[in-house]
Amino acid sequence: MKHLYFLLFFVLIFFFNACNETISEAKWDNEWTAEIHPAEHKISIDSTSGAKLIYITTNIESDINLYFDWNCWFEDLSMMTFISSRTGKAELFGYIPKTGELIRLNPRKDVTVSTSAFVDFKTHELYVRTDDAIFQWNVDINFSKDSSKVESVQVKERKIVSAPEGSKFFSALSLSANRQYLSATIKSEVPDEQSIISVNINTGDIQNLLTWDNSYFFSHVQFSKYNQNLLRFAYEPHRLWIIDTRKPGKPKKIHLQEEGELVTHEDWWVNDQLTFCGAYREEESHVKVIDIHTQKTRIIGAGTWWDGGTPFELSQYNWWHASGAPNGRWVVADNWHGHIGVTDERTSHMRLLTKNHRTYGSGEHPHVGWAPDSKSVEFTTHINGNPDVCIAYLPEAWNNPFMESDTSEPYNIK
């Protein structure tokens, strides 16, 4: 009898695996070979902090990193996604750190894909959209035997869902912490309204989380990267709103924004916290952290202000975008001059990582974000005279929160 049970068990396992393989092989609707472009990266050592910098693009055309709260890395760090205009239009490209080669992910001309992409936290897949549909891409990178170059890149595609009739997708996508759902926004003219929705990645089923009219547009919609039930969004006149996806239609504003107060560029962080930038006086902006449950806010990276300071001067010492490292140890911030500051969560000590990556008053914002291992940040730089993407590695010595160095002064900018 025992032998019969064992036989039945193995038959069931075989059947289950066979079904899974069939589903896996059949789920893709389309496939193509991506273009491989030669490496152009350059490596340097930053004079401010001694950090290793890799300028992954040096082309004269515009290259920018993904917005800082969109995941752009494969977890194994084998590819980072960015946006390039070198083909004459903005398209999604990949950077391969092992070889420096660049991958034009979608060389087809038949579909115009939004550059508002989101990379899966665990797999070699990313999610993209058009106005009419959301798609899943799987990227298979094949290296030569000695791993010195990429021999081929195959991209598989499947449509997850089409936009509901009479509506179109807008804004960016994001992935839930359990990797089962995507957030998206849709708008329609009849009726005149917009909605935040959750899309089941496997089935394409849509859940409506919130519908409001088009007086203002939903923006900065993002699932928490750490809590599968939480999603945040921005909407006038208060910037910081939260939805528990188990309670559709019941948003909660978590910060009472006063008239004239700057509250901007929020990002999810560990322990149900958000980082954001803001203050109450013109040109003043601290890096702040808010606990969404207690609504207590603290300054973790201080800006500054003085009477008579010009916007040019003040903007060197204040912050515009901020993002917390996945390991909970660091918060990075950028400003109008392209200065990148990193605050140690343990001490609130901010150190300059690198500076002068933007000309005040012009150019792309750095939009500095984190790699999954919390050891490097990526951002857009204008050091070479045009937008390029740069990766900066935190110095190893910074892991000691009490180290002494010439770079420990947080505002030694000039």
Protein backbone atom coordinates (compact mmCIF):
# COMPACT_ATOMS: atom_id res chain seq x y z
CA MET A 1 0.00 0.00 0.00
CA LYS A 2 2.88 2.37 0.84
CA HIS A 3 4.34 1.83 -2.63
CA LEU A 4 0.98 2.72 -4.16
CA TYR A 5 0.82 5.99 -2.19
CA PHE A 6 4.37 6.90 -3.22
CA LEU A 7 3.56 6.14 -6.87
CA LEU A 8 0.42 8.27 -6.72
CA PHE A 9 2.38 11.10 -5.07
CA PHE A 10 5.05 11.16 -7.81
CA VAL A 11 2.40 10.99 -10.55
CA LEU A 12 0.69 14.05 -9.07
CA ILE A 13 4.00 15.92 -8.81
CA PHE A 14 4.81 15.09 -12.41
CA PHE A 15 1.36 16.22 -13.56
CA PHE A 16 1.62 19.45 -11.59
CA ASN A 17 5.05 20.28 -13.02
CA ALA A 18 3.94 19.41 -16.54
CA CYS A 19 0.95 21.72 -16.20
CA ASN A 20 3.17 24.49 -14.88
CA GLU A 21 5.60 24.10 -17.76
CA THR A 22 2.76 24.19 -20.25
CA ILE A 23 1.33 27.34 -18.70
CA SER A 24 4.79 28.95 -18.57
CA GLU A 25 5.53 28.16 -22.19
CA ALA A 26 2.13 29.27 -23.45
CA LYS A 27 1.68 32.51 -21.54
CA TRP A 28 3.79 34.75 -23.81
CA ASP A 29 2.03 36.49 -26.71
CA ASN A 30 5.08 37.87 -28.48
CA GLU A 31 8.87 37.58 -28.57
CA TRP A 32 11.74 39.52 -30.14
CA THR A 33 15.50 39.91 -30.06
CA ALA A 34 16.67 43.11 -28.40
CA GLU A 35 19.48 45.22 -29.87
CA ILE A 36 22.86 45.13 -28.12
CA HIS A 37 24.83 48.39 -28.10
CA PRO A 38 28.54 48.56 -27.19
CA ALA A 39 29.74 49.63 -23.77
CA GLU A 40 30.44 53.33 -23.31
CA HIS A 41 30.71 53.56 -19.53
CA LYS A 42 33.49 55.45 -17.79
CA ILE A 43 34.69 55.01 -14.21
CA SER A 44 36.03 57.73 -11.95
CA ILE A 45 36.66 58.45 -8.27
CA ASP A 46 34.70 61.33 -6.79
CA SER A 47 36.85 64.11 -5.36
CA THR A 48 34.26 64.93 -2.69
CA SER A 49 33.92 61.57 -0.97
CA GLY A 50 36.22 59.11 -2.72
CA ALA A 51 33.14 57.26 -3.99
CA LYS A 52 33.39 55.12 -7.11
CA LEU A 53 31.32 56.62 -9.95
CA ILE A 54 30.32 54.77 -13.09
CA TYR A 55 28.93 56.94 -15.88
CA ILE A 56 27.03 54.18 -17.63
CA THR A 57 26.18 56.43 -20.60
CA THR A 58 28.41 58.99 -22.32
CA ASN A 59 26.43 59.43 -25.54
CA ILE A 60 25.64 63.00 -26.64
CA GLU A 61 21.92 62.22 -26.67
CA SER A 62 19.74 62.38 -23.55
CA ASP A 63 19.97 59.44 -21.14
CA ILE A 64 18.15 59.58 -17.80
CA ASN A 65 17.49 57.16 -14.96
CA LEU A 66 14.00 56.02 -14.08
CA TYR A 67 12.11 58.16 -11.59
CA PHE A 68 13.60 57.50 -8.18
CA ASP A 69 10.69 55.51 -6.71
CA TRP A 70 10.31 53.16 -9.70
CA ASN A 71 12.34 50.01 -9.26
CA CYS A 72 14.87 49.88 -12.12
CA TRP A 73 17.18 47.01 -11.10
CA PHE A 74 17.00 43.25 -11.37
CA GLU A 75 17.52 41.92 -7.85
CA ASP A 76 20.70 40.09 -8.89
CA LEU A 77 22.06 43.39 -10.27
CA SER A 78 22.50 41.88 -13.74
CA MET A 79 20.66 44.78 -15.43
CA MET A 80 19.50 48.30 -14.66
CA THR A 81 16.77 49.92 -16.74
CA PHE A 82 16.96 53.56 -17.90
CA ILE A 83 15.55 55.87 -20.58
CA SER A 84 17.48 56.86 -23.69
CA SER A 85 16.66 59.16 -26.60
CA ARG A 86 19.57 58.02 -28.78
CA THR A 87 17.20 56.42 -31.32
CA GLY A 88 15.33 59.67 -31.90
CA LYS A 89 12.62 58.97 -29.31
CA ALA A 90 12.57 58.16 -25.61
CA GLU A 91 12.83 54.38 -25.15
CA LEU A 92 13.62 51.85 -22.45
CA PHE A 93 17.20 50.62 -22.40
CA GLY A 94 19.09 48.27 -20.07
CA TYR A 95 22.64 48.57 -18.71
CA ILE A 96 24.59 45.36 -18.09
CA PRO A 97 27.11 46.02 -15.27
CA LYS A 98 29.11 42.87 -16.01
CA THR A 99 30.09 44.06 -19.51
CA GLY A 100 28.94 47.68 -19.73
CA GLU A 101 26.83 46.91 -22.80
CA LEU A 102 23.51 48.64 -23.38
CA ILE A 103 20.32 46.89 -24.45
CA ARG A 104 17.58 48.54 -26.50
CA LEU A 105 14.76 46.54 -24.98
CA ASN A 106 12.06 47.20 -27.57
CA PRO A 107 13.46 47.76 -31.09
CA ARG A 108 10.03 47.28 -32.69
CA LYS A 109 8.30 50.21 -34.37
CA ASP A 110 4.78 48.83 -34.15
CA VAL A 111 4.08 49.82 -30.53
CA THR A 112 4.87 53.03 -28.66
CA VAL A 113 5.58 51.97 -25.08
CA SER A 114 5.56 54.39 -22.15
CA THR A 115 8.92 54.85 -20.45
CA SER A 116 7.16 54.69 -17.06
CA ALA A 117 8.39 51.12 -16.47
CA PHE A 118 8.62 49.17 -13.23
CA VAL A 119 11.03 46.26 -12.75
CA ASP A 120 9.94 43.19 -10.77
CA PHE A 121 11.59 42.96 -7.34
CA LYS A 122 12.69 39.35 -7.79
CA THR A 123 12.63 38.21 -11.42
CA HIS A 124 14.01 39.35 -14.78
CA GLU A 125 10.66 40.85 -15.70
CA LEU A 126 9.33 44.37 -16.02
CA TYR A 127 5.96 45.96 -16.50
CA VAL A 128 5.17 48.58 -19.12
CA ARG A 129 2.08 50.20 -20.54
CA THR A 130 0.65 51.91 -23.55
CA ASP A 131 -2.42 54.14 -23.33
CA ASP A 132 -4.56 51.09 -24.01
CA ALA A 133 -2.92 48.14 -22.26
CA ILE A 134 -0.47 46.89 -19.62
CA PHE A 135 2.21 44.35 -20.57
CA GLN A 136 4.69 42.07 -18.86
CA TRP A 137 8.16 41.63 -20.38
CA ASN A 138 10.59 38.84 -19.58
CA VAL A 139 14.25 39.58 -20.36
CA ASP A 140 16.63 36.66 -20.97
CA ILE A 141 20.29 37.75 -21.11
CA ASN A 142 22.76 35.29 -22.64
CA PHE A 143 26.49 35.83 -22.12
CA SER A 144 29.47 34.43 -23.97
CA LYS A 145 31.32 31.50 -22.38
CA ASP A 146 33.86 33.80 -20.70
CA SER A 147 31.11 36.31 -19.72
CA SER A 148 33.02 39.09 -21.49
CA LYS A 149 30.09 40.11 -23.65
CA VAL A 150 26.36 39.68 -24.14
CA GLU A 151 25.65 37.34 -27.04
CA SER A 152 21.87 37.76 -27.19
CA VAL A 153 18.90 39.21 -25.33
CA GLN A 154 15.44 37.75 -25.87
CA VAL A 155 12.36 39.65 -24.72
CA LYS A 156 9.04 37.88 -24.29
CA GLU A 157 5.80 39.80 -23.89
CA ARG A 158 2.28 39.14 -22.76
CA LYS A 159 -0.66 41.47 -22.38
CA ILE A 160 -1.94 41.53 -18.82
CA VAL A 161 -5.01 43.67 -19.37
CA SER A 162 -6.56 46.20 -21.74
CA ALA A 163 -7.86 49.53 -20.51
CA PRO A 164 -11.57 49.41 -19.62
CA GLU A 165 -13.82 50.57 -22.46
CA GLY A 166 -13.98 54.36 -22.75
CA SER A 167 -10.85 54.95 -20.63
CA LYS A 168 -7.08 55.18 -21.00
CA PHE A 169 -4.15 54.48 -18.72
CA PHE A 170 -2.06 57.40 -17.51
CA SER A 171 0.72 57.88 -14.98
CA ALA A 172 3.18 55.17 -13.91
CA LEU A 173 2.78 51.60 -12.74
CA SER A 174 4.01 50.12 -9.46
CA LEU A 175 4.30 46.61 -8.04
CA SER A 176 2.85 45.43 -4.73
CA ALA A 177 5.21 44.07 -2.10
CA ASN A 178 3.89 40.52 -2.62
CA ARG A 179 4.43 40.93 -6.40
CA GLN A 180 0.86 39.90 -7.21
CA TYR A 181 -0.62 43.26 -8.21
CA LEU A 182 0.14 46.39 -10.19
CA SER A 183 -1.21 49.84 -9.40
CA ALA A 184 -2.41 51.92 -12.34
CA THR A 185 -4.51 54.99 -13.04
CA ILE A 186 -7.23 55.35 -15.65
CA LYS A 187 -9.22 58.36 -16.80
CA SER A 188 -12.35 58.74 -18.87
CA GLU A 189 -14.19 61.67 -20.40
CA VAL A 190 -17.67 60.18 -20.05
CA PRO A 191 -18.20 60.22 -17.15
CA ASP A 192 -15.58 62.86 -16.34
CA GLU A 193 -13.61 60.90 -13.74
CA GLN A 194 -10.39 59.10 -12.91
CA SER A 195 -9.62 56.01 -10.87
CA ILE A 196 -6.77 54.32 -9.07
CA ILE A 197 -6.95 50.60 -9.75
CA SER A 198 -5.19 47.42 -8.74
CA VAL A 199 -4.51 44.85 -11.46
CA ASN A 200 -4.00 41.15 -10.74
CA ILE A 201 -0.87 40.29 -12.73
CA ASN A 202 -1.82 36.65 -13.33
CA THR A 203 -5.48 37.09 -14.23
CA GLY A 204 -5.76 40.73 -15.38
CA ASP A 205 -8.67 41.27 -12.98
CA ILE A 206 -9.16 44.91 -12.01
CA GLN A 207 -10.14 46.20 -8.57
CA ASN A 208 -11.20 49.82 -8.30
CA LEU A 209 -9.53 51.39 -5.27
CA LEU A 210 -10.70 54.99 -5.63
CA THR A 211 -12.66 57.12 -8.12
CA TRP A 212 -12.69 60.92 -8.03
CA ASP A 213 -13.51 63.55 -10.62
CA ASN A 214 -10.90 65.17 -12.87
CA SER A 215 -10.63 68.45 -10.93
CA TYR A 216 -7.05 67.42 -10.14
CA PHE A 217 -5.12 64.42 -11.38
CA PHE A 218 -3.90 61.55 -9.27
CA SER A 219 -0.11 61.44 -9.33
CA HIS A 220 2.79 59.63 -7.66
CA VAL A 221 0.63 56.54 -7.19
CA GLN A 222 2.73 53.76 -5.70
CA PHE A 223 2.27 50.51 -3.85
CA SER A 224 4.39 50.18 -0.74
CA LYS A 225 7.54 48.23 -1.49
CA TYR A 226 7.37 46.70 2.00
CA ASN A 227 3.67 46.29 2.92
CA GLN A 228 1.42 44.57 0.38
CA ASN A 229 -1.75 46.28 1.66
CA LEU A 230 -0.67 49.90 1.36
CA LEU A 231 -0.68 52.34 -1.55
CA ARG A 232 -0.03 56.07 -1.55
CA PHE A 233 -0.89 58.86 -3.97
CA ALA A 234 -0.77 62.65 -4.35
CA TYR A 235 -3.82 64.86 -4.88
CA GLU A 236 -4.45 68.56 -4.30
CA PRO A 237 -4.52 70.34 -1.91
CA HIS A 238 -2.84 67.80 0.41
CA ARG A 239 0.09 65.87 -1.00
CA LEU A 240 0.25 62.73 1.15
CA TRP A 241 -2.65 60.27 0.87
CA ILE A 242 -2.81 56.55 1.74
CA ILE A 243 -5.19 53.74 0.77
CA ASP A 244 -5.38 50.38 2.50
CA THR A 245 -6.21 48.12 -0.45
CA ARG A 246 -8.46 46.05 1.83
CA LYS A 247 -10.65 49.13 2.24
CA PRO A 248 -11.33 50.49 -1.28
CA GLY A 249 -12.83 53.96 -1.49
CA LYS A 250 -11.54 55.03 1.93
CA PRO A 251 -8.40 57.14 1.42
CA LYS A 252 -6.70 58.82 4.34
CA LYS A 253 -4.56 61.93 4.25
CA ILE A 254 -1.65 61.43 6.59
CA HIS A 255 -0.23 64.94 6.69
CA LEU A 256 -2.22 68.15 7.05
CA GLN A 257 -0.45 70.36 4.52
CA GLU A 258 -0.68 74.02 5.49
CA GLU A 259 -0.99 76.86 3.01
CA GLY A 260 2.47 77.75 1.75
CA GLU A 261 4.06 74.56 3.12
CA LEU A 262 6.26 72.57 0.75
CA VAL A 263 5.51 68.83 0.78
CA THR A 264 6.93 66.94 -2.15
CA HIS A 265 8.54 63.86 -3.71
CA GLU A 266 7.54 61.17 -1.25
CA ASP A 267 8.76 57.57 -1.31
CA TRP A 268 7.93 54.44 0.69
CA TRP A 269 10.46 53.34 3.28
CA VAL A 270 10.72 50.54 5.83
CA ASN A 271 8.31 50.16 8.79
CA ASP A 272 5.41 51.88 7.00
CA GLN A 273 7.25 55.18 6.73
CA LEU A 274 7.46 57.69 3.90
CA THR A 275 10.37 59.95 3.10
CA PHE A 276 9.57 63.36 1.61
CA CYS A 277 11.01 66.86 1.32
CA GLY A 278 9.59 70.11 2.62
CA ALA A 279 9.48 73.06 5.03
CA TYR A 280 7.59 76.29 5.61
CA ARG A 281 9.84 79.07 4.29
CA GLU A 282 10.58 79.80 0.65
CA GLU A 283 13.59 77.83 -0.66
CA GLU A 284 13.88 75.87 2.60
CA SER A 285 13.50 72.09 2.35
CA HIS A 286 14.46 69.36 4.81
CA VAL A 287 14.46 65.60 4.26
CA LYS A 288 11.65 64.29 6.43
CA VAL A 289 10.27 60.92 7.48
CA ILE A 290 6.65 60.30 8.47
CA ASP A 291 5.18 57.26 10.19
CA ILE A 292 1.85 56.74 8.42
CA HIS A 293 0.17 55.21 11.50
CA THR A 294 1.11 57.79 14.14
CA GLN A 295 1.50 60.60 11.57
CA LYS A 296 4.56 61.73 13.51
CA THR A 297 7.10 63.51 11.31
CA ARG A 298 10.81 64.00 11.96
CA ILE A 299 13.63 65.71 10.11
CA ILE A 300 16.31 63.19 9.20
CA GLY A 301 18.34 65.37 6.83
CA ALA A 302 18.23 69.06 7.66
CA GLY A 303 18.21 71.80 5.08
CA THR A 304 18.89 75.36 6.13
CA TRP A 305 17.71 78.94 5.71
CA TRP A 306 19.07 82.39 6.52
CA ASP A 307 17.68 85.86 6.10
CA GLY A 308 18.93 87.41 2.87
CA GLY A 309 19.95 84.13 1.29
CA THR A 310 19.31 84.10 -2.45
CA PRO A 311 17.46 81.19 -4.10
CA PHE A 312 20.75 80.16 -5.75
CA GLU A 313 22.56 80.07 -2.41
CA LEU A 314 19.80 78.44 -0.39
CA SER A 315 19.17 75.75 -2.98
CA GLN A 316 22.69 74.42 -2.46
CA TYR A 317 21.86 73.45 1.12
CA ASN A 318 18.27 72.26 0.76
CA TRP A 319 16.77 69.11 -0.74
CA TRP A 320 14.29 68.19 -3.46
CA HIS A 321 14.02 64.39 -3.82
CA ALA A 322 14.68 61.83 -1.07
CA SER A 323 14.60 58.05 -0.92
CA GLY A 324 15.30 55.50 1.81
CA ALA A 325 17.61 52.53 1.25
CA PRO A 326 15.94 49.09 1.27
CA ASN A 327 18.09 48.00 4.22
CA GLY A 328 16.70 50.85 6.36
CA ARG A 329 20.11 52.34 7.05
CA TRP A 330 20.41 55.28 4.65
CA VAL A 331 18.36 58.11 3.15
CA VAL A 332 19.69 59.75 -0.01
CA ALA A 333 18.65 63.15 -1.31
CA ASP A 334 19.40 65.43 -4.26
CA ASN A 335 18.92 69.13 -4.94
CA TRP A 336 18.75 71.75 -7.70
CA HIS A 337 22.55 71.83 -8.09
CA GLY A 338 22.92 68.08 -8.45
CA HIS A 339 24.43 67.57 -5.01
CA ILE A 340 23.81 64.08 -3.62
CA GLY A 341 23.72 63.76 0.18
CA VAL A 342 23.42 60.53 2.17
CA THR A 343 22.08 60.53 5.72
CA ASP A 344 22.90 57.75 8.17
CA GLU A 345 19.63 56.72 9.84
CA ARG A 346 21.50 55.76 13.01
CA THR A 347 22.92 59.23 13.64
CA SER A 348 21.15 61.64 11.21
CA HIS A 349 24.62 62.55 9.99
CA MET A 350 24.51 63.62 6.34
CA ARG A 351 27.59 63.27 4.15
CA LEU A 352 28.03 64.53 0.61
CA LEU A 353 28.48 61.64 -1.79
CA THR A 354 29.07 63.72 -4.92
CA LYS A 355 28.12 67.18 -6.17
CA ASN A 356 27.60 69.57 -9.10
CA HIS A 357 25.74 67.14 -11.36
CA ARG A 358 23.27 69.80 -12.50
CA THR A 359 23.36 73.47 -13.46
CA TYR A 360 21.02 75.49 -11.28
CA GLY A 361 17.96 76.54 -13.26
CA SER A 362 18.29 74.04 -16.10
CA GLY A 363 18.62 70.37 -16.92
CA GLU A 364 17.11 67.11 -15.78
CA HIS A 365 16.73 66.53 -12.04
CA PRO A 366 18.99 63.83 -10.56
CA HIS A 367 16.02 61.78 -9.23
CA VAL A 368 18.42 59.74 -7.12
CA GLY A 369 17.32 56.19 -6.25
CA TRP A 370 18.70 53.01 -4.70
CA ALA A 371 20.02 49.67 -5.95
CA PRO A 372 18.41 46.64 -4.24
CA ASP A 373 21.53 45.89 -2.15
CA SER A 374 21.59 49.43 -0.67
CA LYS A 375 25.25 49.80 -1.70
CA SER A 376 24.83 52.27 -4.58
CA VAL A 377 22.54 54.94 -5.95
CA GLU A 378 21.73 55.92 -9.52
CA PHE A 379 20.91 59.38 -10.83
CA THR A 380 20.99 61.66 -13.86
CA THR A 381 24.12 63.79 -14.24
CA HIS A 382 25.07 66.75 -16.45
CA ILE A 383 28.79 66.55 -15.66
CA ASN A 384 29.55 65.77 -19.31
CA GLY A 385 27.38 68.60 -20.65
CA ASN A 386 24.28 66.52 -21.46
CA PRO A 387 22.08 64.13 -19.48
CA ASP A 388 23.79 60.84 -18.63
CA VAL A 389 23.09 58.12 -16.09
CA CYS A 390 25.55 57.65 -13.24
CA ILE A 391 25.91 55.03 -10.51
CA ALA A 392 27.66 56.06 -7.28
CA TYR A 393 28.82 53.53 -4.69
CA LEU A 394 28.77 54.44 -1.01
CA PRO A 395 32.28 54.32 0.51
CA GLU A 396 32.78 51.23 2.68
CA ALA A 397 34.05 53.40 5.53
CA TRP A 398 30.60 54.95 5.90
CA ASN A 399 29.33 51.72 7.44
CA ASN A 400 31.03 52.96 10.61
CA PRO A 401 28.68 55.73 11.78
CA PHE A 402 31.38 57.35 13.92
CA MET A 403 34.19 57.51 11.39
CA GLU A 404 36.10 60.76 11.03
CA SER A 405 36.96 62.05 7.56
CA ASP A 406 37.38 65.18 5.52
CA THR A 407 33.94 64.56 4.03
CA SER A 408 32.01 64.33 7.29
CA GLU A 409 30.98 68.00 7.13
CA PRO A 410 27.48 67.86 5.60
CA TYR A 411 27.48 71.26 3.92
CA ASN A 412 31.08 71.62 2.76
CA ILE A 413 29.84 72.28 -0.77
CA LYS A 414 31.92 75.09 -2.21
